[in-house]
PDB file of N, CA and C in Angstrom:
ATOM      1  N   UNK A   1     -57.470  29.772 102.196  1.00  0.00           N
ATOM      2  CA  UNK A   1     -56.816  29.041 101.404  1.00  0.00           C
ATOM      3  C   UNK A   1     -58.491  27.860 100.917  1.00  0.00           C
ATOM      4  N   UNK A   2     -58.700  28.306  99.429  1.00  0.00           N
ATOM      5  CA  UNK A   2     -59.640  26.552  98.816  1.00  0.00           C
ATOM      6  C   UNK A   2     -58.659  25.928  99.064  1.00  0.00           C
ATOM      7  N   UNK A   3     -58.961  24.978  98.444  1.00  0.00           N
ATOM      8  CA  UNK A   3     -58.117  23.494  97.966  1.00  0.00           C
ATOM      9  C   UNK A   3     -57.504  23.828  96.334  1.00  0.00           C
ATOM     10  N   UNK A   4     -57.160  22.951  96.012  1.00  0.00           N
ATOM     11  CA  UNK A   4     -56.606  23.088  94.411  1.00  0.00           C
ATOM     12  C   UNK A   4     -55.188  21.594  94.120  1.00  0.00           C
ATOM     13  N   UNK A   5     -56.273  21.404  92.694  1.00  0.00           N
ATOM     14  CA  UNK A   5     -56.366  19.636  92.218  1.00  0.00           C
ATOM     15  C   UNK A   5     -55.177  20.084  91.934  1.00  0.00           C
ATOM     16  N   UNK A   6     -53.967  20.386  91.995  1.00  0.00           N
ATOM     17  CA  UNK A   6     -52.646  20.264  91.077  1.00  0.00           C
ATOM     18  C   UNK A   6     -52.486  18.751  90.791  1.00  0.00           C
ATOM     19  N   UNK A   7     -52.407  18.101  89.565  1.00  0.00           N
ATOM     20  CA  UNK A   7     -51.616  16.441  89.016  1.00  0.00           C
ATOM     21  C   UNK A   7     -50.300  16.557  89.412  1.00  0.00           C
ATOM     22  N   UNK A   8     -49.779  16.122  90.767  1.00  0.00           N
ATOM     23  CA  UNK A   8     -47.960  15.809  90.528  1.00  0.00           C
ATOM     24  C   UNK A   8     -47.977  15.719  90.165  1.00  0.00           C
ATOM     25  N   UNK A   9     -48.295  14.518  88.402  1.00  0.00           N
ATOM     26  CA  UNK A   9     -47.879  13.841  87.757  1.00  0.00           C
ATOM     27  C   UNK A   9     -47.076  14.919  86.170  1.00  0.00           C
ATOM     28  N   UNK A  10     -48.212  15.366  86.190  1.00  0.00           N
ATOM     29  CA  UNK A  10     -48.167  16.420  85.448  1.00  0.00           C
ATOM     30  C   UNK A  10     -47.453  18.490  85.238  1.00  0.00           C
ATOM     31  N   UNK A  11     -47.666  18.160  86.524  1.00  0.00           N
ATOM     32  CA  UNK A  11     -46.955  19.278  87.826  1.00  0.00           C
ATOM     33  C   UNK A  11     -45.171  19.634  87.061  1.00  0.00           C
ATOM     34  N   UNK A  12     -44.070  18.859  86.803  1.00  0.00           N
ATOM     35  CA  UNK A  12     -43.191  18.830  86.704  1.00  0.00           C
ATOM     36  C   UNK A  12     -42.175  19.178  85.530  1.00  0.00           C
ATOM     37  N   UNK A  13     -41.273  19.998  85.217  1.00  0.00           N
ATOM     38  CA  UNK A  13     -41.755  21.244  84.715  1.00  0.00           C
ATOM     39  C   UNK A  13     -42.040  20.339  83.039  1.00  0.00           C
ATOM     40  N   UNK A  14     -41.163  19.254  82.710  1.00  0.00           N
ATOM     41  CA  UNK A  14     -40.831  18.837  80.910  1.00  0.00           C
ATOM     42  C   UNK A  14     -42.143  18.247  81.182  1.00  0.00           C
ATOM     43  N   UNK A  15     -43.233  17.490  81.501  1.00  0.00           N
ATOM     44  CA  UNK A  15     -44.422  16.279  81.156  1.00  0.00           C
ATOM     45  C   UNK A  15     -44.902  18.381  81.449  1.00  0.00           C
ATOM     46  N   UNK A  16     -44.490  18.811  81.809  1.00  0.00           N
ATOM     47  CA  UNK A  16     -45.842  19.537  82.054  1.00  0.00           C
ATOM     48  C   UNK A  16     -46.107  20.497  79.589  1.00  0.00           C
ATOM     49  N   UNK A  17     -43.900  20.529  80.310  1.00  0.00           N
ATOM     50  CA  UNK A  17     -44.346  21.011  78.667  1.00  0.00           C
ATOM     51  C   UNK A  17     -44.672  20.383  77.736  1.00  0.00           C
ATOM     52  N   UNK A  18     -44.667  19.024  77.983  1.00  0.00           N
ATOM     53  CA  UNK A  18     -45.016  17.400  77.098  1.00  0.00           C
ATOM     54  C   UNK A  18     -46.270  17.712  76.579  1.00  0.00           C
ATOM     55  N   UNK A  19     -46.921  18.075  77.762  1.00  0.00           N
ATOM     56  CA  UNK A  19     -48.701  17.890  77.115  1.00  0.00           C
ATOM     57  C   UNK A  19     -49.512  19.238  77.151  1.00  0.00           C
ATOM     58  N   UNK A  20     -48.224  20.941  77.007  1.00  0.00           N
ATOM     59  CA  UNK A  20     -48.623  21.794  76.720  1.00  0.00           C
ATOM     60  C   UNK A  20     -48.625  21.886  75.132  1.00  0.00           C
ATOM     61  N   UNK A  21     -47.256  20.791  74.766  1.00  0.00           N
ATOM     62  CA  UNK A  21     -46.926  21.388  73.626  1.00  0.00           C
ATOM     63  C   UNK A  21     -47.905  19.994  72.425  1.00  0.00           C
ATOM     64  N   UNK A  22     -49.221  18.891  73.299  1.00  0.00           N
ATOM     65  CA  UNK A  22     -48.990  17.448  72.386  1.00  0.00           C
ATOM     66  C   UNK A  22     -51.083  18.124  72.521  1.00  0.00           C
ATOM     67  N   UNK A  23     -51.522  19.637  73.427  1.00  0.00           N
ATOM     68  CA  UNK A  23     -52.718  19.828  73.847  1.00  0.00           C
ATOM     69  C   UNK A  23     -53.658  20.122  72.427  1.00  0.00           C
ATOM     70  N   UNK A  24     -53.120  20.827  71.569  1.00  0.00           N
ATOM     71  CA  UNK A  24     -53.739  21.353  70.447  1.00  0.00           C
ATOM     72  C   UNK A  24     -53.543  20.135  69.580  1.00  0.00           C
ATOM     73  N   UNK A  25     -52.382  19.404  69.312  1.00  0.00           N
ATOM     74  CA  UNK A  25     -51.737  18.805  68.162  1.00  0.00           C
ATOM     75  C   UNK A  25     -53.025  17.473  68.116  1.00  0.00           C
ATOM     76  N   UNK A  26     -52.638  16.372  66.946  1.00  0.00           N
ATOM     77  CA  UNK A  26     -53.160  15.345  67.044  1.00  0.00           C
ATOM     78  C   UNK A  26     -52.234  14.223  68.025  1.00  0.00           C
ATOM     79  N   UNK A  27     -50.440  14.236  67.275  1.00  0.00           N
ATOM     80  CA  UNK A  27     -49.849  13.519  67.456  1.00  0.00           C
ATOM     81  C   UNK A  27     -48.495  14.581  67.711  1.00  0.00           C
ATOM     82  N   UNK A  28     -46.996  14.402  67.277  1.00  0.00           N
ATOM     83  CA  UNK A  28     -45.909  14.171  67.588  1.00  0.00           C
ATOM     84  C   UNK A  28     -44.859  13.367  67.237  1.00  0.00           C
ATOM     85  N   UNK A  29     -44.135  13.752  66.555  1.00  0.00           N
ATOM     86  CA  UNK A  29     -42.474  12.917  66.675  1.00  0.00           C
ATOM     87  C   UNK A  29     -42.234  13.086  67.942  1.00  0.00           C
ATOM     88  N   UNK A  30     -41.870  11.944  68.217  1.00  0.00           N
ATOM     89  CA  UNK A  30     -40.123  12.257  69.383  1.00  0.00           C
ATOM     90  C   UNK A  30     -40.045  13.471  69.158  1.00  0.00           C
ATOM     91  N   UNK A  31     -38.552  13.259  68.057  1.00  0.00           N
ATOM     92  CA  UNK A  31     -37.834  13.339  67.925  1.00  0.00           C
ATOM     93  C   UNK A  31     -37.625  15.498  68.272  1.00  0.00           C
ATOM     94  N   UNK A  32     -38.731  15.321  67.216  1.00  0.00           N
ATOM     95  CA  UNK A  32     -39.515  16.641  67.720  1.00  0.00           C
ATOM     96  C   UNK A  32     -40.208  17.919  68.728  1.00  0.00           C
ATOM     97  N   UNK A  33     -40.264  16.668  69.311  1.00  0.00           N
ATOM     98  CA  UNK A  33     -41.069  16.773  71.186  1.00  0.00           C
ATOM     99  C   UNK A  33     -39.723  16.623  71.864  1.00  0.00           C
ATOM    100  N   UNK A  34     -38.162  16.244  71.651  1.00  0.00           N
ATOM    101  CA  UNK A  34     -37.513  16.147  72.540  1.00  0.00           C
ATOM    102  C   UNK A  34     -37.091  17.650  72.390  1.00  0.00           C
ATOM    103  N   UNK A  35     -36.529  17.479  71.191  1.00  0.00           N
ATOM    104  CA  UNK A  35     -35.884  19.035  70.356  1.00  0.00           C
ATOM    105  C   UNK A  35     -36.649  20.686  71.408  1.00  0.00           C
ATOM    106  N   UNK A  36     -37.922  20.644  71.062  1.00  0.00           N
ATOM    107  CA  UNK A  36     -39.449  21.450  71.567  1.00  0.00           C
ATOM    108  C   UNK A  36     -38.788  21.893  73.490  1.00  0.00           C
ATOM    109  N   UNK A  37     -38.478  20.529  73.498  1.00  0.00           N
ATOM    110  CA  UNK A  37     -37.814  20.540  75.557  1.00  0.00           C
ATOM    111  C   UNK A  37     -36.854  20.581  75.275  1.00  0.00           C
ATOM    112  N   UNK A  38     -35.749  21.004  74.086  1.00  0.00           N
ATOM    113  CA  UNK A  38     -34.254  21.092  74.238  1.00  0.00           C
ATOM    114  C   UNK A  38     -33.716  20.050  75.663  1.00  0.00           C
ATOM    115  N   UNK A  39     -33.647  18.688  76.389  1.00  0.00           N
ATOM    116  CA  UNK A  39     -33.623  17.880  76.522  1.00  0.00           C
ATOM    117  C   UNK A  39     -32.995  16.764  75.876  1.00  0.00           C
ATOM    118  N   UNK A  40     -31.723  16.096  76.719  1.00  0.00           N
ATOM    119  CA  UNK A  40     -31.649  14.403  76.563  1.00  0.00           C
ATOM    120  C   UNK A  40     -32.456  13.595  76.327  1.00  0.00           C
ATOM    121  N   UNK A  41     -31.861  12.580  75.603  1.00  0.00           N
ATOM    122  CA  UNK A  41     -32.958  11.056  75.223  1.00  0.00           C
ATOM    123  C   UNK A  41     -33.570  10.468  76.594  1.00  0.00           C
ATOM    124  N   UNK A  42     -32.371  10.138  77.540  1.00  0.00           N
ATOM    125  CA  UNK A  42     -32.654   9.644  78.464  1.00  0.00           C
ATOM    126  C   UNK A  42     -33.638  10.373  78.976  1.00  0.00           C
ATOM    127  N   UNK A  43     -33.529  12.140  79.371  1.00  0.00           N
ATOM    128  CA  UNK A  43     -34.608  13.227  80.660  1.00  0.00           C
ATOM    129  C   UNK A  43     -35.864  13.166  79.907  1.00  0.00           C
ATOM    130  N   UNK A  44     -36.201  13.086  78.271  1.00  0.00           N
ATOM    131  CA  UNK A  44     -37.136  12.993  77.441  1.00  0.00           C
ATOM    132  C   UNK A  44     -37.666  11.193  77.298  1.00  0.00           C
ATOM    133  N   UNK A  45     -37.003  10.743  77.903  1.00  0.00           N
ATOM    134  CA  UNK A  45     -37.527   8.679  77.987  1.00  0.00           C
ATOM    135  C   UNK A  45     -37.753   9.067  78.277  1.00  0.00           C
ATOM    136  N   UNK A  46     -37.552   9.359  80.306  1.00  0.00           N
ATOM    137  CA  UNK A  46     -38.536   8.870  81.072  1.00  0.00           C
ATOM    138  C   UNK A  46     -39.184  10.266  81.835  1.00  0.00           C
ATOM    139  N   UNK A  47     -39.640  11.314  81.050  1.00  0.00           N
ATOM    140  CA  UNK A  47     -40.827  11.990  81.321  1.00  0.00           C
ATOM    141  C   UNK A  47     -41.979  11.670  80.616  1.00  0.00           C
ATOM    142  N   UNK A  48     -42.021  11.096  80.060  1.00  0.00           N
ATOM    143  CA  UNK A  48     -43.097  10.520  78.476  1.00  0.00           C
ATOM    144  C   UNK A  48     -43.013   8.960  78.932  1.00  0.00           C
ATOM    145  N   UNK A  49     -41.915   8.705  79.789  1.00  0.00           N
ATOM    146  CA  UNK A  49     -42.510   7.148  80.043  1.00  0.00           C
ATOM    147  C   UNK A  49     -43.401   7.878  81.273  1.00  0.00           C
ATOM    148  N   UNK A  50     -43.598   8.441  82.032  1.00  0.00           N
ATOM    149  CA  UNK A  50     -43.835   8.614  83.104  1.00  0.00           C
ATOM    150  C   UNK A  50     -46.039   9.169  83.435  1.00  0.00           C
ATOM    151  N   UNK A  51     -46.160   9.883  82.009  1.00  0.00           N
ATOM    152  CA  UNK A  51     -46.660  10.354  81.705  1.00  0.00           C
ATOM    153  C   UNK A  51     -47.819   8.635  80.629  1.00  0.00           C
ATOM    154  N   UNK A  52     -46.648   7.980  79.799  1.00  0.00           N
ATOM    155  CA  UNK A  52     -47.070   6.977  79.357  1.00  0.00           C
ATOM    156  C   UNK A  52     -48.044   5.872  80.892  1.00  0.00           C
ATOM    157  N   UNK A  53     -47.129   5.744  82.438  1.00  0.00           N
ATOM    158  CA  UNK A  53     -47.848   5.461  83.341  1.00  0.00           C
ATOM    159  C   UNK A  53     -48.705   5.839  83.752  1.00  0.00           C
ATOM    160  N   UNK A  54     -48.779   6.910  83.363  1.00  0.00           N
ATOM    161  CA  UNK A  54     -49.962   7.393  84.154  1.00  0.00           C
ATOM    162  C   UNK A  54     -51.368   7.199  83.920  1.00  0.00           C
ATOM    163  N   UNK A  55     -50.974   7.325  82.202  1.00  0.00           N
ATOM    164  CA  UNK A  55     -52.808   6.771  80.553  1.00  0.00           C
ATOM    165  C   UNK A  55     -52.630   7.710  79.892  1.00  0.00           C
ATOM    166  N   UNK A  56     -51.618   9.074  79.997  1.00  0.00           N
ATOM    167  CA  UNK A  56     -51.968  10.264  79.592  1.00  0.00           C
ATOM    168  C   UNK A  56     -52.104  10.070  78.061  1.00  0.00           C
ATOM    169  N   UNK A  57     -50.681   9.085  77.815  1.00  0.00           N
ATOM    170  CA  UNK A  57     -49.880  10.041  76.637  1.00  0.00           C
ATOM    171  C   UNK A  57     -49.450   8.241  76.158  1.00  0.00           C
ATOM    172  N   UNK A  58     -49.848   7.971  74.981  1.00  0.00           N
ATOM    173  CA  UNK A  58     -49.746   6.923  74.357  1.00  0.00           C
ATOM    174  C   UNK A  58     -48.854   7.179  73.559  1.00  0.00           C
ATOM    175  N   UNK A  59     -48.250   5.733  72.328  1.00  0.00           N
ATOM    176  CA  UNK A  59     -47.732   6.270  71.860  1.00  0.00           C
ATOM    177  C   UNK A  59     -47.508   5.308  70.757  1.00  0.00           C
ATOM    178  N   UNK A  60     -47.569   5.842  69.096  1.00  0.00           N
ATOM    179  CA  UNK A  60     -48.032   4.615  67.625  1.00  0.00           C
ATOM    180  C   UNK A  60     -46.269   5.306  68.292  1.00  0.00           C
ATOM    181  N   UNK A  61     -46.055   3.672  67.091  1.00  0.00           N
ATOM    182  CA  UNK A  61     -44.939   3.429  66.287  1.00  0.00           C
ATOM    183  C   UNK A  61     -44.393   3.066  64.666  1.00  0.00           C
ATOM    184  N   UNK A  62     -44.314   3.471  63.864  1.00  0.00           N
ATOM    185  CA  UNK A  62     -44.374   3.511  62.174  1.00  0.00           C
ATOM    186  C   UNK A  62     -42.910   3.336  61.435  1.00  0.00           C
ATOM    187  N   UNK A  63     -43.043   2.729  60.681  1.00  0.00           N
ATOM    188  CA  UNK A  63     -41.950   2.568  59.930  1.00  0.00           C
ATOM    189  C   UNK A  63     -42.163   3.388  58.866  1.00  0.00           C
ATOM    190  N   UNK A  64     -40.721   4.113  58.696  1.00  0.00           N
ATOM    191  CA  UNK A  64     -40.904   5.056  57.629  1.00  0.00           C
ATOM    192  C   UNK A  64     -39.507   5.553  56.781  1.00  0.00           C
ATOM    193  N   UNK A  65     -39.435   5.291  55.814  1.00  0.00           N
ATOM    194  CA  UNK A  65     -38.583   5.237  55.167  1.00  0.00           C
ATOM    195  C   UNK A  65     -37.470   3.466  55.277  1.00  0.00           C
ATOM    196  N   UNK A  66     -38.165   2.681  56.565  1.00  0.00           N
ATOM    197  CA  UNK A  66     -36.896   2.167  56.533  1.00  0.00           C
ATOM    198  C   UNK A  66     -36.873   2.512  57.438  1.00  0.00           C
ATOM    199  N   UNK A  67     -36.725   3.016  58.741  1.00  0.00           N
ATOM    200  CA  UNK A  67     -36.053   3.719  59.977  1.00  0.00           C
ATOM    201  C   UNK A  67     -37.776   3.577  60.570  1.00  0.00           C
ATOM    202  N   UNK A  68     -38.589   3.223  61.337  1.00  0.00           N
ATOM    203  CA  UNK A  68     -38.923   3.406  62.711  1.00  0.00           C
ATOM    204  C   UNK A  68     -39.241   4.705  63.282  1.00  0.00           C
ATOM    205  N   UNK A  69     -40.234   5.025  63.400  1.00  0.00           N
ATOM    206  CA  UNK A  69     -40.127   7.288  63.841  1.00  0.00           C
ATOM    207  C   UNK A  69     -40.886   6.519  65.121  1.00  0.00           C
ATOM    208  N   UNK A  70     -41.401   7.053  66.106  1.00  0.00           N
ATOM    209  CA  UNK A  70     -42.501   7.346  67.120  1.00  0.00           C
ATOM    210  C   UNK A  70     -43.511   8.518  67.805  1.00  0.00           C
ATOM    211  N   UNK A  71     -44.524   8.664  67.563  1.00  0.00           N
ATOM    212  CA  UNK A  71     -44.686   9.741  68.312  1.00  0.00           C
ATOM    213  C   UNK A  71     -45.802   9.638  68.424  1.00  0.00           C
ATOM    214  N   UNK A  72     -45.829  10.782  69.314  1.00  0.00           N
ATOM    215  CA  UNK A  72     -46.827  10.974  70.322  1.00  0.00           C
ATOM    216  C   UNK A  72     -47.988  11.450  71.231  1.00  0.00           C
ATOM    217  N   UNK A  73     -49.089  10.973  71.669  1.00  0.00           N
ATOM    218  CA  UNK A  73     -50.031  11.903  71.753  1.00  0.00           C
ATOM    219  C   UNK A  73     -51.373  11.740  73.198  1.00  0.00           C
ATOM    220  N   UNK A  74     -51.867  12.781  73.807  1.00  0.00           N
ATOM    221  CA  UNK A  74     -51.947  13.196  74.608  1.00  0.00           C
ATOM    222  C   UNK A  74     -54.356  11.863  74.485  1.00  0.00           C
ATOM    223  N   UNK A  75     -54.333  11.069  75.685  1.00  0.00           N
ATOM    224  CA  UNK A  75     -55.639  10.568  75.395  1.00  0.00           C
ATOM    225  C   UNK A  75     -56.445  11.124  76.471  1.00  0.00           C
ATOM    226  N   UNK A  76     -57.393  10.334  76.151  1.00  0.00           N
ATOM    227  CA  UNK A  76     -59.540  11.225  76.539  1.00  0.00           C
ATOM    228  C   UNK A  76     -58.622  12.104  77.799  1.00  0.00           C
ATOM    229  N   UNK A  77     -57.851  10.687  79.097  1.00  0.00           N
ATOM    230  CA  UNK A  77     -57.910  11.229  80.030  1.00  0.00           C
ATOM    231  C   UNK A  77     -56.842  12.072  80.309  1.00  0.00           C
ATOM    232  N   UNK A  78     -55.553  12.309  79.422  1.00  0.00           N
ATOM    233  CA  UNK A  78     -54.602  13.298  79.690  1.00  0.00           C
ATOM    234  C   UNK A  78     -54.376  14.269  78.305  1.00  0.00           C
ATOM    235  N   UNK A  79     -55.801  14.846  78.739  1.00  0.00           N
ATOM    236  CA  UNK A  79     -56.298  16.124  78.463  1.00  0.00           C
ATOM    237  C   UNK A  79     -57.069  16.603  78.949  1.00  0.00           C
ATOM    238  N   UNK A  80     -57.357  16.068  80.171  1.00  0.00           N
ATOM    239  CA  UNK A  80     -58.994  15.971  80.522  1.00  0.00           C
ATOM    240  C   UNK A  80     -58.480  16.607  81.786  1.00  0.00           C
ATOM    241  N   UNK A  81     -56.834  15.684  82.270  1.00  0.00           N
ATOM    242  CA  UNK A  81     -56.337  16.311  83.278  1.00  0.00           C
ATOM    243  C   UNK A  81     -55.362  17.040  83.114  1.00  0.00           C
ATOM    244  N   UNK A  82     -55.298  17.621  82.091  1.00  0.00           N
ATOM    245  CA  UNK A  82     -54.281  19.010  81.461  1.00  0.00           C
ATOM    246  C   UNK A  82     -54.529  19.904  82.089  1.00  0.00           C
ATOM    247  N   UNK A  83     -56.305  19.552  81.549  1.00  0.00           N
ATOM    248  CA  UNK A  83     -56.943  20.896  80.831  1.00  0.00           C
ATOM    249  C   UNK A  83     -57.406  21.166  82.339  1.00  0.00           C
ATOM    250  N   UNK A  84     -57.564  20.565  83.829  1.00  0.00           N
ATOM    251  CA  UNK A  84     -58.038  19.968  84.592  1.00  0.00           C
ATOM    252  C   UNK A  84     -56.704  20.446  85.732  1.00  0.00           C
ATOM    253  N   UNK A  85     -55.354  20.149  85.452  1.00  0.00           N
ATOM    254  CA  UNK A  85     -54.113  20.780  85.405  1.00  0.00           C
ATOM    255  C   UNK A  85     -53.803  22.297  85.164  1.00  0.00           C
ATOM    256  N   UNK A  86     -54.342  22.876  84.070  1.00  0.00           N
ATOM    257  CA  UNK A  86     -54.077  24.161  83.825  1.00  0.00           C
ATOM    258  C   UNK A  86     -55.274  24.468  84.572  1.00  0.00           C
ATOM    259  N   UNK A  87     -56.941  25.190  84.237  1.00  0.00           N
ATOM    260  CA  UNK A  87     -57.922  25.548  85.460  1.00  0.00           C
ATOM    261  C   UNK A  87     -57.028  25.637  87.200  1.00  0.00           C
ATOM    262  N   UNK A  88     -56.169  24.654  87.804  1.00  0.00           N
ATOM    263  CA  UNK A  88     -56.246  24.511  88.986  1.00  0.00           C
ATOM    264  C   UNK A  88     -54.930  25.205  89.103  1.00  0.00           C
ATOM    265  N   UNK A  89     -54.033  26.368  88.113  1.00  0.00           N
ATOM    266  CA  UNK A  89     -52.815  27.209  87.904  1.00  0.00           C
ATOM    267  C   UNK A  89     -53.684  28.516  88.035  1.00  0.00           C
ATOM    268  N   UNK A  90     -54.530  29.016  87.441  1.00  0.00           N
ATOM    269  CA  UNK A  90     -54.897  29.581  86.478  1.00  0.00           C
ATOM    270  C   UNK A  90     -56.083  29.840  87.991  1.00  0.00           C
ATOM    271  N   UNK A  91     -56.388  29.281  89.196  1.00  0.00           N
ATOM    272  CA  UNK A  91     -57.526  29.509  90.085  1.00  0.00           C
ATOM    273  C   UNK A  91     -56.778  30.433  91.199  1.00  0.00           C
ATOM    274  N   UNK A  92     -55.542  29.656  90.795  1.00  0.00           N
ATOM    275  CA  UNK A  92     -53.795  30.086  92.069  1.00  0.00           C
ATOM    276  C   UNK A  92     -53.411  31.375  91.800  1.00  0.00           C
ATOM    277  N   UNK A  93     -53.781  32.146  90.405  1.00  0.00           N
ATOM    278  CA  UNK A  93     -52.793  32.708  89.862  1.00  0.00           C
ATOM    279  C   UNK A  93     -53.898  33.975  90.219  1.00  0.00           C
ATOM    280  N   UNK A  94     -55.372  33.923  90.127  1.00  0.00           N
ATOM    281  CA  UNK A  94     -56.117  34.592  90.077  1.00  0.00           C
ATOM    282  C   UNK A  94     -56.626  34.783  92.020  1.00  0.00           C
ATOM    283  N   UNK A  95     -56.349  34.410  92.569  1.00  0.00           N
ATOM    284  CA  UNK A  95     -56.551  34.434  94.302  1.00  0.00           C
ATOM    285  C   UNK A  95     -55.342  34.979  94.849  1.00  0.00           C
ATOM    286  N   UNK A  96     -54.620  34.767  94.274  1.00  0.00           N
ATOM    287  CA  UNK A  96     -53.485  35.227  94.140  1.00  0.00           C
ATOM    288  C   UNK A  96     -53.614  36.970  93.706  1.00  0.00           C
ATOM    289  N   UNK A  97     -53.914  37.599  92.731  1.00  0.00           N
ATOM    290  CA  UNK A  97     -54.483  38.748  92.251  1.00  0.00           C
ATOM    291  C   UNK A  97     -55.332  39.758  93.740  1.00  0.00           C
ATOM    292  N   UNK A  98     -55.638  38.385  93.734  1.00  0.00           N
ATOM    293  CA  UNK A  98     -57.162  38.818  94.071  1.00  0.00           C
ATOM    294  C   UNK A  98     -56.933  39.350  96.030  1.00  0.00           C
ATOM    295  N   UNK A  99     -55.476  38.941  96.539  1.00  0.00           N
ATOM    296  CA  UNK A  99     -55.003  39.556  97.922  1.00  0.00           C
ATOM    297  C   UNK A  99     -54.234  40.454  97.677  1.00  0.00           C
TER     298      UNK A  99
END
């Protein structure tokens, strides 16, 4: 069996969903991302923080109508890591279909 390079940071289901949601977007507000995942603020914070630590996601903060809002976006390395992870998953599936 050939070697597949899955990214352990991205592979966790919630982080995979965050990356998949952000990939086609310039950025997304935290509230929208958290609602899309359907998780608590603490769970979301844990996963987004891990992606930030890895350099895959960055955060923008901006005051809107007197309240601070946060947006997340994939960095160039985050986009590359996600694309590589998806390619590895596709290769695994393709190999399974051949067997």
